[in-house]
Each structure stands twice: as C-alpha cells, then as structure tokens.
Amino acid sequence: MNSNPKMKHDVFLSFRVKDTRDNFVSHLCGCLRRKRIKTYLFDELPYEERYEESLKAIEVSRVSVIVFSENFGDSKFCLDEVVAILKCKKRFGQIVIPVLYHVDRVDIENQTGSFGEAFAKRQDKADQIKEWKDGFTEAINLPGWSTSHLRDEEMLVNEIALDIESKLLRASRTKVIIEWSLVIINLMLEIPSCVFDQISSTQKPLYALAAMSMSFCNVNVIFILSTLPRRSLS
C-alpha cells in the first residue's frame, strides 16, 4: 500500500445522473454537506471538464461511494470511475462503500439484467470488459447499503451519512495515532546510546511502552520522556 496523496475531498460520489442525481444522490450530498463533510459531485463542473477532473478527484478523496442503479452500467464514465476507485483502494486504502439503489446484487455481480445488457453493448471494448467486470464484482462484495434492506430513502440516506462520518473519524484518529507514534519513536531513537545504555534492562521496556501509550494522547513528548525514571550516570 502506497503513502496517501494529499486529500482534497472527504467523499467522492459515483452515480448515474439520469437514475439518481435529482433524488437519492441529491439528498445524500446535502446530508453529508450539512455535516461539513466535503463531498465531490462531478456535474458541478463544466461538461467538458467532468471526465478528467473526476478521475483526478477520486485520487484525492478519502471515501468513494458507488451508487449502483439500473442504468449505471450504460455509462463508460461510471465504468471507468469504478476501476479508478478500486485502484485507489488498493494503492492507499481508500474507503469504498457500494450502495444498491433499487437493483439486484446478483445482476451486478454476474452482469445480468440491465447490467448484462450494458456490457453486451461494449463487446468491441474487449480489452476493458474484463477490468470493468472484475471491478463490479469486487465492489459489490464490499460492505455497503441497499434499498432492499432499508426502503425508507430518508432513513437510508441518514444511515449512510452516519456510516461515512464514523469511517472518516476512525481513519482520522488512526492517522493521528500513527503520526504521533512515528514522532515519538524517532525521538526515542535519538536518545544517545551512552544514555540508553545507562537505563536498566527492566526500565527499557517502559520507554517503548510510554512511546506507544502517549501516541493516544495529546501530551508533550519531551516532558514525558524527561519524567521517566533513569539511573544515575555517575
């Protein structure tokens, strides 16, 4: 997994405009933005910029939500977004949440029904067909949401927004913990060997334990290190 690029958006929404833009996606976007979650919508850009800018936006988003709907597979734009999203999941652990909007999971996974018809129209793109199909299969097997389980759309939107909010908070905390741990461990490594050698073998593990423990707290690192017991150098 590669290091994260600099994030610009909290959430990227991948969807089929004619299916969900004026209803489900509009409500979800509004709910997220009211929670101050920065949400990217490609159709807020000029038409000629949408494709390239959306692929760039995926790479700088913490979470991608894929809204599978009846005509989602009809759009090469949507197909390419799914592939790009899953590449980001593999590269730097982007969180991916599939949402089934009045579609059957089996049709998406096996490319039957409207999804099968959509892929049948693209047999001339044989080099890309496998990548698109594999992308759909992978995405649909990730934990997500479905209108078949929660048909009240307002409630579904709220639950998805809460789920995203929770995942973003958890990811943010994890990032802070890792960064603090690295800072503290680096400070520990900078203790001169002549000083570290004077620490008794029973106390040395306390330094490592303190380094990991303090990564969970906003505490002055130097102060903590200075208060740990040391043997006299004399």
C-alpha atoms as a PDB file:
ATOM      1  CA  MET A   1       0.000   0.000   0.000  1.00  0.00           C
ATOM      2  CA  ASN A   2       1.471   3.349  -1.039  1.00  0.00           C
ATOM      3  CA  SER A   3       1.510   6.517   1.014  1.00  0.00           C
ATOM      4  CA  ASN A   4      -1.580   8.663   0.780  1.00  0.00           C
ATOM      5  CA  PRO A   5      -1.716  11.530  -1.694  1.00  0.00           C
ATOM      6  CA  LYS A   6      -2.772  14.881  -0.261  1.00  0.00           C
ATOM      7  CA  MET A   7      -6.509  14.598   0.295  1.00  0.00           C
ATOM      8  CA  LYS A   8      -8.803  17.312  -1.082  1.00  0.00           C
ATOM      9  CA  HIS A   9     -12.252  15.727  -0.682  1.00  0.00           C
ATOM     10  CA  ASP A  10     -13.835  13.640   2.058  1.00  0.00           C
ATOM     11  CA  VAL A  11     -16.253  11.844  -0.247  1.00  0.00           C
ATOM     12  CA  PHE A  12     -16.461  11.143  -3.971  1.00  0.00           C
ATOM     13  CA  LEU A  13     -19.898  10.134  -5.253  1.00  0.00           C
ATOM     14  CA  SER A  14     -20.033   7.878  -8.323  1.00  0.00           C
ATOM     15  CA  PHE A  15     -23.540   7.660  -9.806  1.00  0.00           C
ATOM     16  CA  ARG A  16     -25.660   7.616 -12.975  1.00  0.00           C
ATOM     17  CA  VAL A  17     -27.128  11.074 -13.431  1.00  0.00           C
ATOM     18  CA  LYS A  18     -30.440  10.074 -15.005  1.00  0.00           C
ATOM     19  CA  ASP A  19     -31.147   7.488 -12.294  1.00  0.00           C
ATOM     20  CA  THR A  20     -30.235   9.173  -9.028  1.00  0.00           C
ATOM     21  CA  ARG A  21     -28.927  12.731  -9.403  1.00  0.00           C
ATOM     22  CA  ASP A  22     -32.211  14.514  -8.703  1.00  0.00           C
ATOM     23  CA  ASN A  23     -33.307  12.263  -5.861  1.00  0.00           C
ATOM     24  CA  PHE A  24     -31.085   9.917  -3.879  1.00  0.00           C
ATOM     25  CA  VAL A  25     -27.692  11.471  -4.684  1.00  0.00           C
ATOM     26  CA  SER A  26     -29.000  14.996  -4.159  1.00  0.00           C
ATOM     27  CA  HIS A  27     -30.343  14.039  -0.722  1.00  0.00           C
ATOM     28  CA  LEU A  28     -27.165  12.167   0.246  1.00  0.00           C
ATOM     29  CA  CYS A  29     -24.903  15.001  -0.861  1.00  0.00           C
ATOM     30  CA  GLY A  30     -26.999  17.527   1.055  1.00  0.00           C
ATOM     31  CA  CYS A  31     -26.925  15.394   4.190  1.00  0.00           C
ATOM     32  CA  LEU A  32     -23.141  14.978   4.003  1.00  0.00           C
ATOM     33  CA  ARG A  33     -22.508  18.659   3.409  1.00  0.00           C
ATOM     34  CA  ARG A  34     -24.702  19.619   6.343  1.00  0.00           C
ATOM     35  CA  LYS A  35     -22.330  17.516   8.427  1.00  0.00           C
ATOM     36  CA  ARG A  36     -19.455  19.566   6.943  1.00  0.00           C
ATOM     37  CA  ILE A  37     -18.213  16.543   5.005  1.00  0.00           C
ATOM     38  CA  LYS A  38     -16.586  17.774   1.790  1.00  0.00           C
ATOM     39  CA  THR A  39     -18.408  15.958  -0.992  1.00  0.00           C
ATOM     40  CA  TYR A  40     -17.450  15.952  -4.680  1.00  0.00           C
ATOM     41  CA  LEU A  41     -20.089  15.977  -7.429  1.00  0.00           C
ATOM     42  CA  PHE A  42     -18.747  15.810 -10.972  1.00  0.00           C
ATOM     43  CA  ASP A  43     -21.749  17.534 -12.565  1.00  0.00           C
ATOM     44  CA  GLU A  44     -20.991  20.754 -10.718  1.00  0.00           C
ATOM     45  CA  LEU A  45     -18.149  21.261 -13.215  1.00  0.00           C
ATOM     46  CA  PRO A  46     -18.399  22.422 -16.840  1.00  0.00           C
ATOM     47  CA  TYR A  47     -19.315  19.465 -19.050  1.00  0.00           C
ATOM     48  CA  GLU A  48     -16.011  19.320 -20.948  1.00  0.00           C
ATOM     49  CA  GLU A  49     -14.018  19.069 -17.696  1.00  0.00           C
ATOM     50  CA  ARG A  50     -16.057  16.405 -15.938  1.00  0.00           C
ATOM     51  CA  TYR A  51     -14.343  13.192 -17.034  1.00  0.00           C
ATOM     52  CA  GLU A  52     -10.709  14.119 -16.418  1.00  0.00           C
ATOM     53  CA  GLU A  53     -11.413  16.141 -13.285  1.00  0.00           C
ATOM     54  CA  SER A  54     -13.498  13.349 -11.778  1.00  0.00           C
ATOM     55  CA  LEU A  55     -10.726  10.795 -12.222  1.00  0.00           C
ATOM     56  CA  LYS A  56      -8.352  13.250 -10.533  1.00  0.00           C
ATOM     57  CA  ALA A  57     -10.863  13.860  -7.736  1.00  0.00           C
ATOM     58  CA  ILE A  58     -11.111  10.136  -7.000  1.00  0.00           C
ATOM     59  CA  GLU A  59      -7.370  10.060  -6.259  1.00  0.00           C
ATOM     60  CA  VAL A  60      -7.666  12.800  -3.631  1.00  0.00           C
ATOM     61  CA  SER A  61     -10.794  11.545  -1.853  1.00  0.00           C
ATOM     62  CA  ARG A  62     -10.852   9.665   1.438  1.00  0.00           C
ATOM     63  CA  VAL A  63     -14.077   7.799   0.703  1.00  0.00           C
ATOM     64  CA  SER A  64     -15.773   6.794  -2.542  1.00  0.00           C
ATOM     65  CA  VAL A  65     -19.451   5.880  -2.632  1.00  0.00           C
ATOM     66  CA  ILE A  66     -20.577   3.904  -5.697  1.00  0.00           C
ATOM     67  CA  VAL A  67     -24.333   4.189  -6.240  1.00  0.00           C
ATOM     68  CA  PHE A  68     -25.275   1.238  -8.444  1.00  0.00           C
ATOM     69  CA  SER A  69     -28.567   1.914 -10.225  1.00  0.00           C
ATOM     70  CA  GLU A  70     -30.432   0.457 -13.207  1.00  0.00           C
ATOM     71  CA  ASN A  71     -28.541   2.358 -15.902  1.00  0.00           C
ATOM     72  CA  PHE A  72     -25.196   2.651 -14.108  1.00  0.00           C
ATOM     73  CA  GLY A  73     -23.540   0.116 -16.435  1.00  0.00           C
ATOM     74  CA  ASP A  74     -24.667   2.069 -19.518  1.00  0.00           C
ATOM     75  CA  SER A  75     -22.128   4.792 -18.838  1.00  0.00           C
ATOM     76  CA  LYS A  76     -18.459   4.308 -19.727  1.00  0.00           C
ATOM     77  CA  PHE A  77     -17.873   7.261 -17.412  1.00  0.00           C
ATOM     78  CA  CYS A  78     -19.271   5.221 -14.488  1.00  0.00           C
ATOM     79  CA  LEU A  79     -17.390   2.077 -15.519  1.00  0.00           C
ATOM     80  CA  ASP A  80     -14.080   3.927 -15.563  1.00  0.00           C
ATOM     81  CA  GLU A  81     -14.845   5.526 -12.204  1.00  0.00           C
ATOM     82  CA  VAL A  82     -15.317   2.124 -10.568  1.00  0.00           C
ATOM     83  CA  VAL A  83     -11.960   0.940 -11.916  1.00  0.00           C
ATOM     84  CA  ALA A  84     -10.223   4.134 -10.740  1.00  0.00           C
ATOM     85  CA  ILE A  85     -11.837   3.905  -7.293  1.00  0.00           C
ATOM     86  CA  LEU A  86     -10.708   0.315  -6.756  1.00  0.00           C
ATOM     87  CA  LYS A  87      -7.170   1.201  -7.841  1.00  0.00           C
ATOM     88  CA  CYS A  88      -7.143   3.864  -5.132  1.00  0.00           C
ATOM     89  CA  LYS A  89      -8.450   1.336  -2.622  1.00  0.00           C
ATOM     90  CA  LYS A  90      -5.520  -0.914  -3.470  1.00  0.00           C
ATOM     91  CA  ARG A  91      -2.912   1.854  -3.639  1.00  0.00           C
ATOM     92  CA  PHE A  92      -3.618   3.749  -0.434  1.00  0.00           C
ATOM     93  CA  GLY A  93      -6.572   2.153   1.282  1.00  0.00           C
ATOM     94  CA  GLN A  94      -9.347   4.444   0.092  1.00  0.00           C
ATOM     95  CA  ILE A  95     -12.620   3.535   1.807  1.00  0.00           C
ATOM     96  CA  VAL A  96     -15.161   2.259  -0.743  1.00  0.00           C
ATOM     97  CA  ILE A  97     -18.874   1.961   0.027  1.00  0.00           C
ATOM     98  CA  PRO A  98     -21.246   0.400  -2.548  1.00  0.00           C
ATOM     99  CA  VAL A  99     -24.917   1.376  -2.486  1.00  0.00           C
ATOM    100  CA  LEU A 100     -27.514  -0.690  -4.353  1.00  0.00           C
ATOM    101  CA  TYR A 101     -30.282   1.628  -5.448  1.00  0.00           C
ATOM    102  CA  HIS A 102     -33.277  -0.497  -6.497  1.00  0.00           C
ATOM    103  CA  VAL A 103     -31.074  -3.067  -8.252  1.00  0.00           C
ATOM    104  CA  ASP A 104     -30.332  -6.737  -7.613  1.00  0.00           C
ATOM    105  CA  ARG A 105     -26.906  -7.607  -6.252  1.00  0.00           C
ATOM    106  CA  VAL A 106     -26.816 -10.780  -8.366  1.00  0.00           C
ATOM    107  CA  ASP A 107     -27.303  -8.774 -11.577  1.00  0.00           C
ATOM    108  CA  ILE A 108     -24.343  -6.569 -10.718  1.00  0.00           C
ATOM    109  CA  GLU A 109     -22.036  -9.404  -9.678  1.00  0.00           C
ATOM    110  CA  ASN A 110     -22.912 -11.674 -12.622  1.00  0.00           C
ATOM    111  CA  GLN A 111     -23.566  -8.859 -15.130  1.00  0.00           C
ATOM    112  CA  THR A 112     -27.101  -9.987 -15.892  1.00  0.00           C
ATOM    113  CA  GLY A 113     -30.316  -7.985 -16.366  1.00  0.00           C
ATOM    114  CA  SER A 114     -29.687  -4.332 -17.258  1.00  0.00           C
ATOM    115  CA  PHE A 115     -26.006  -4.740 -16.355  1.00  0.00           C
ATOM    116  CA  GLY A 116     -25.629  -7.675 -18.735  1.00  0.00           C
ATOM    117  CA  GLU A 117     -27.285  -5.655 -21.499  1.00  0.00           C
ATOM    118  CA  ALA A 118     -24.932  -2.752 -20.841  1.00  0.00           C
ATOM    119  CA  PHE A 119     -21.817  -4.926 -21.117  1.00  0.00           C
ATOM    120  CA  ALA A 120     -23.179  -6.673 -24.217  1.00  0.00           C
ATOM    121  CA  LYS A 121     -23.162  -3.295 -25.994  1.00  0.00           C
ATOM    122  CA  ARG A 122     -19.440  -2.922 -25.306  1.00  0.00           C
ATOM    123  CA  GLN A 123     -18.073  -6.135 -26.771  1.00  0.00           C
ATOM    124  CA  ASP A 124     -15.875  -4.004 -29.015  1.00  0.00           C
ATOM    125  CA  LYS A 125     -14.005  -2.959 -25.849  1.00  0.00           C
ATOM    126  CA  ALA A 126     -12.718  -6.454 -25.124  1.00  0.00           C
ATOM    127  CA  ASP A 127      -9.518  -5.137 -23.550  1.00  0.00           C
ATOM    128  CA  GLN A 128     -11.535  -3.195 -20.964  1.00  0.00           C
ATOM    129  CA  ILE A 129     -14.500  -5.531 -20.439  1.00  0.00           C
ATOM    130  CA  LYS A 130     -12.635  -7.832 -18.022  1.00  0.00           C
ATOM    131  CA  GLU A 131     -11.364  -4.900 -15.967  1.00  0.00           C
ATOM    132  CA  TRP A 132     -14.853  -3.427 -15.713  1.00  0.00           C
ATOM    133  CA  LYS A 133     -16.448  -6.769 -14.802  1.00  0.00           C
ATOM    134  CA  ASP A 134     -13.785  -7.542 -12.207  1.00  0.00           C
ATOM    135  CA  GLY A 135     -14.275  -4.072 -10.763  1.00  0.00           C
ATOM    136  CA  PHE A 136     -18.024  -4.571 -10.421  1.00  0.00           C
ATOM    137  CA  THR A 137     -17.542  -7.972  -8.764  1.00  0.00           C
ATOM    138  CA  GLU A 138     -15.017  -6.610  -6.279  1.00  0.00           C
ATOM    139  CA  ALA A 139     -17.063  -3.521  -5.437  1.00  0.00           C
ATOM    140  CA  ILE A 140     -20.313  -5.357  -4.895  1.00  0.00           C
ATOM    141  CA  ASN A 141     -18.674  -7.694  -2.380  1.00  0.00           C
ATOM    142  CA  LEU A 142     -17.577  -4.840  -0.127  1.00  0.00           C
ATOM    143  CA  PRO A 143     -19.702  -3.885   2.921  1.00  0.00           C
ATOM    144  CA  GLY A 144     -22.359  -1.408   1.846  1.00  0.00           C
ATOM    145  CA  TRP A 145     -26.014  -0.450   1.727  1.00  0.00           C
ATOM    146  CA  SER A 146     -29.116  -1.393  -0.244  1.00  0.00           C
ATOM    147  CA  THR A 147     -32.635  -0.087  -0.730  1.00  0.00           C
ATOM    148  CA  SER A 148     -33.816  -3.690  -0.438  1.00  0.00           C
ATOM    149  CA  HIS A 149     -32.829  -3.670   3.230  1.00  0.00           C
ATOM    150  CA  LEU A 150     -33.951  -0.150   4.059  1.00  0.00           C
ATOM    151  CA  ARG A 151     -36.619   1.163   1.715  1.00  0.00           C
ATOM    152  CA  ASP A 152     -37.239   4.417   3.555  1.00  0.00           C
ATOM    153  CA  GLU A 153     -34.966   6.626   1.446  1.00  0.00           C
ATOM    154  CA  GLU A 154     -34.605   9.396   4.011  1.00  0.00           C
ATOM    155  CA  MET A 155     -33.613   6.893   6.683  1.00  0.00           C
ATOM    156  CA  LEU A 156     -31.199   5.175   4.277  1.00  0.00           C
ATOM    157  CA  VAL A 157     -29.524   8.479   3.414  1.00  0.00           C
ATOM    158  CA  ASN A 158     -29.113   9.329   7.093  1.00  0.00           C
ATOM    159  CA  GLU A 159     -27.669   5.896   7.900  1.00  0.00           C
ATOM    160  CA  ILE A 160     -25.165   6.102   5.046  1.00  0.00           C
ATOM    161  CA  ALA A 161     -24.125   9.609   6.105  1.00  0.00           C
ATOM    162  CA  LEU A 162     -23.583   8.411   9.689  1.00  0.00           C
ATOM    163  CA  ASP A 163     -21.586   5.445   8.421  1.00  0.00           C
ATOM    164  CA  ILE A 164     -19.356   7.717   6.335  1.00  0.00           C
ATOM    165  CA  GLU A 165     -18.933  10.151   9.219  1.00  0.00           C
ATOM    166  CA  SER A 166     -17.898   7.301  11.516  1.00  0.00           C
ATOM    167  CA  LYS A 167     -15.417   5.868   8.999  1.00  0.00           C
ATOM    168  CA  LEU A 168     -13.839   9.282   8.393  1.00  0.00           C
ATOM    169  CA  LEU A 169     -13.471   9.891  12.119  1.00  0.00           C
ATOM    170  CA  ARG A 170     -11.916   6.459  12.659  1.00  0.00           C
ATOM    171  CA  ALA A 171      -9.495   6.975   9.764  1.00  0.00           C
ATOM    172  CA  SER A 172      -8.545  10.412  11.077  1.00  0.00           C
ATOM    173  CA  ARG A 173      -7.837   9.059  14.563  1.00  0.00           C
ATOM    174  CA  THR A 174      -5.769   6.220  13.143  1.00  0.00           C
ATOM    175  CA  LYS A 175      -3.718   8.689  11.091  1.00  0.00           C
ATOM    176  CA  VAL A 176      -3.034  10.837  14.152  1.00  0.00           C
ATOM    177  CA  ILE A 177      -2.035   7.806  16.230  1.00  0.00           C
ATOM    178  CA  ILE A 178       0.372   6.613  13.545  1.00  0.00           C
ATOM    179  CA  GLU A 179       1.908  10.064  13.124  1.00  0.00           C
ATOM    180  CA  TRP A 180       2.365  10.520  16.882  1.00  0.00           C
ATOM    181  CA  SER A 181       3.836   7.039  17.200  1.00  0.00           C
ATOM    182  CA  LEU A 182       6.387   7.780  14.478  1.00  0.00           C
ATOM    183  CA  VAL A 183       7.337  11.087  16.074  1.00  0.00           C
ATOM    184  CA  ILE A 184       7.798   9.543  19.497  1.00  0.00           C
ATOM    185  CA  ILE A 185       9.667   6.503  18.207  1.00  0.00           C
ATOM    186  CA  ASN A 186      12.014   8.794  16.277  1.00  0.00           C
ATOM    187  CA  LEU A 187      12.646  10.799  19.449  1.00  0.00           C
ATOM    188  CA  MET A 188      13.335   7.595  21.325  1.00  0.00           C
ATOM    189  CA  LEU A 189      15.826   6.535  18.685  1.00  0.00           C
ATOM    190  CA  GLU A 190      17.615   9.859  19.029  1.00  0.00           C
ATOM    191  CA  ILE A 191      18.460   9.192  22.698  1.00  0.00           C
ATOM    192  CA  PRO A 192      22.277   8.871  22.721  1.00  0.00           C
ATOM    193  CA  SER A 193      23.372   5.258  23.055  1.00  0.00           C
ATOM    194  CA  CYS A 194      25.562   6.176  26.050  1.00  0.00           C
ATOM    195  CA  VAL A 195      22.433   7.420  27.827  1.00  0.00           C
ATOM    196  CA  PHE A 196      20.258   4.498  26.763  1.00  0.00           C
ATOM    197  CA  ASP A 197      22.930   2.060  27.979  1.00  0.00           C
ATOM    198  CA  GLN A 198      22.609   3.513  31.475  1.00  0.00           C
ATOM    199  CA  ILE A 199      18.915   2.619  31.624  1.00  0.00           C
ATOM    200  CA  SER A 200      18.375  -0.635  33.447  1.00  0.00           C
ATOM    201  CA  SER A 201      17.119  -3.575  31.382  1.00  0.00           C
ATOM    202  CA  THR A 202      13.904  -3.620  33.387  1.00  0.00           C
ATOM    203  CA  GLN A 203      13.217   0.061  32.649  1.00  0.00           C
ATOM    204  CA  LYS A 204      13.984  -0.003  28.920  1.00  0.00           C
ATOM    205  CA  PRO A 205      10.577  -1.547  28.072  1.00  0.00           C
ATOM    206  CA  LEU A 206       8.975   1.395  29.902  1.00  0.00           C
ATOM    207  CA  TYR A 207      10.335   3.728  27.254  1.00  0.00           C
ATOM    208  CA  ALA A 208       8.806   1.680  24.459  1.00  0.00           C
ATOM    209  CA  LEU A 209       5.528   1.375  26.368  1.00  0.00           C
ATOM    210  CA  ALA A 210       5.449   5.116  27.005  1.00  0.00           C
ATOM    211  CA  ALA A 211       6.079   5.819  23.340  1.00  0.00           C
ATOM    212  CA  MET A 212       3.098   3.740  22.268  1.00  0.00           C
ATOM    213  CA  SER A 213       0.828   4.897  25.096  1.00  0.00           C
ATOM    214  CA  MET A 214       1.451   8.578  24.525  1.00  0.00           C
ATOM    215  CA  SER A 215       0.507   8.249  20.860  1.00  0.00           C
ATOM    216  CA  PHE A 216      -3.088   8.142  22.091  1.00  0.00           C
ATOM    217  CA  CYS A 217      -2.835  11.407  23.985  1.00  0.00           C
ATOM    218  CA  ASN A 218      -2.040  14.988  23.141  1.00  0.00           C
ATOM    219  CA  VAL A 219       0.857  15.149  25.593  1.00  0.00           C
ATOM    220  CA  ASN A 220       4.179  16.923  25.330  1.00  0.00           C
ATOM    221  CA  VAL A 221       6.575  14.174  24.270  1.00  0.00           C
ATOM    222  CA  ILE A 222       9.699  15.758  25.705  1.00  0.00           C
ATOM    223  CA  PHE A 223       8.014  16.184  29.088  1.00  0.00           C
ATOM    224  CA  ILE A 224       7.025  12.521  29.222  1.00  0.00           C
ATOM    225  CA  LEU A 225      10.487  11.321  28.316  1.00  0.00           C
ATOM    226  CA  SER A 226      12.079  13.608  30.887  1.00  0.00           C
ATOM    227  CA  THR A 227       9.884  12.298  33.701  1.00  0.00           C
ATOM    228  CA  LEU A 228      10.612   8.608  33.142  1.00  0.00           C
ATOM    229  CA  PRO A 229      12.972   7.155  35.769  1.00  0.00           C
ATOM    230  CA  ARG A 230      16.650   6.938  34.819  1.00  0.00           C
ATOM    231  CA  ARG A 231      19.692   5.550  36.505  1.00  0.00           C
ATOM    232  CA  SER A 232      22.355   7.995  37.570  1.00  0.00           C
ATOM    233  CA  LEU A 233      25.162   8.441  35.061  1.00  0.00           C
ATOM    234  CA  SER A 234      27.676   8.951  37.811  1.00  0.00           C
END
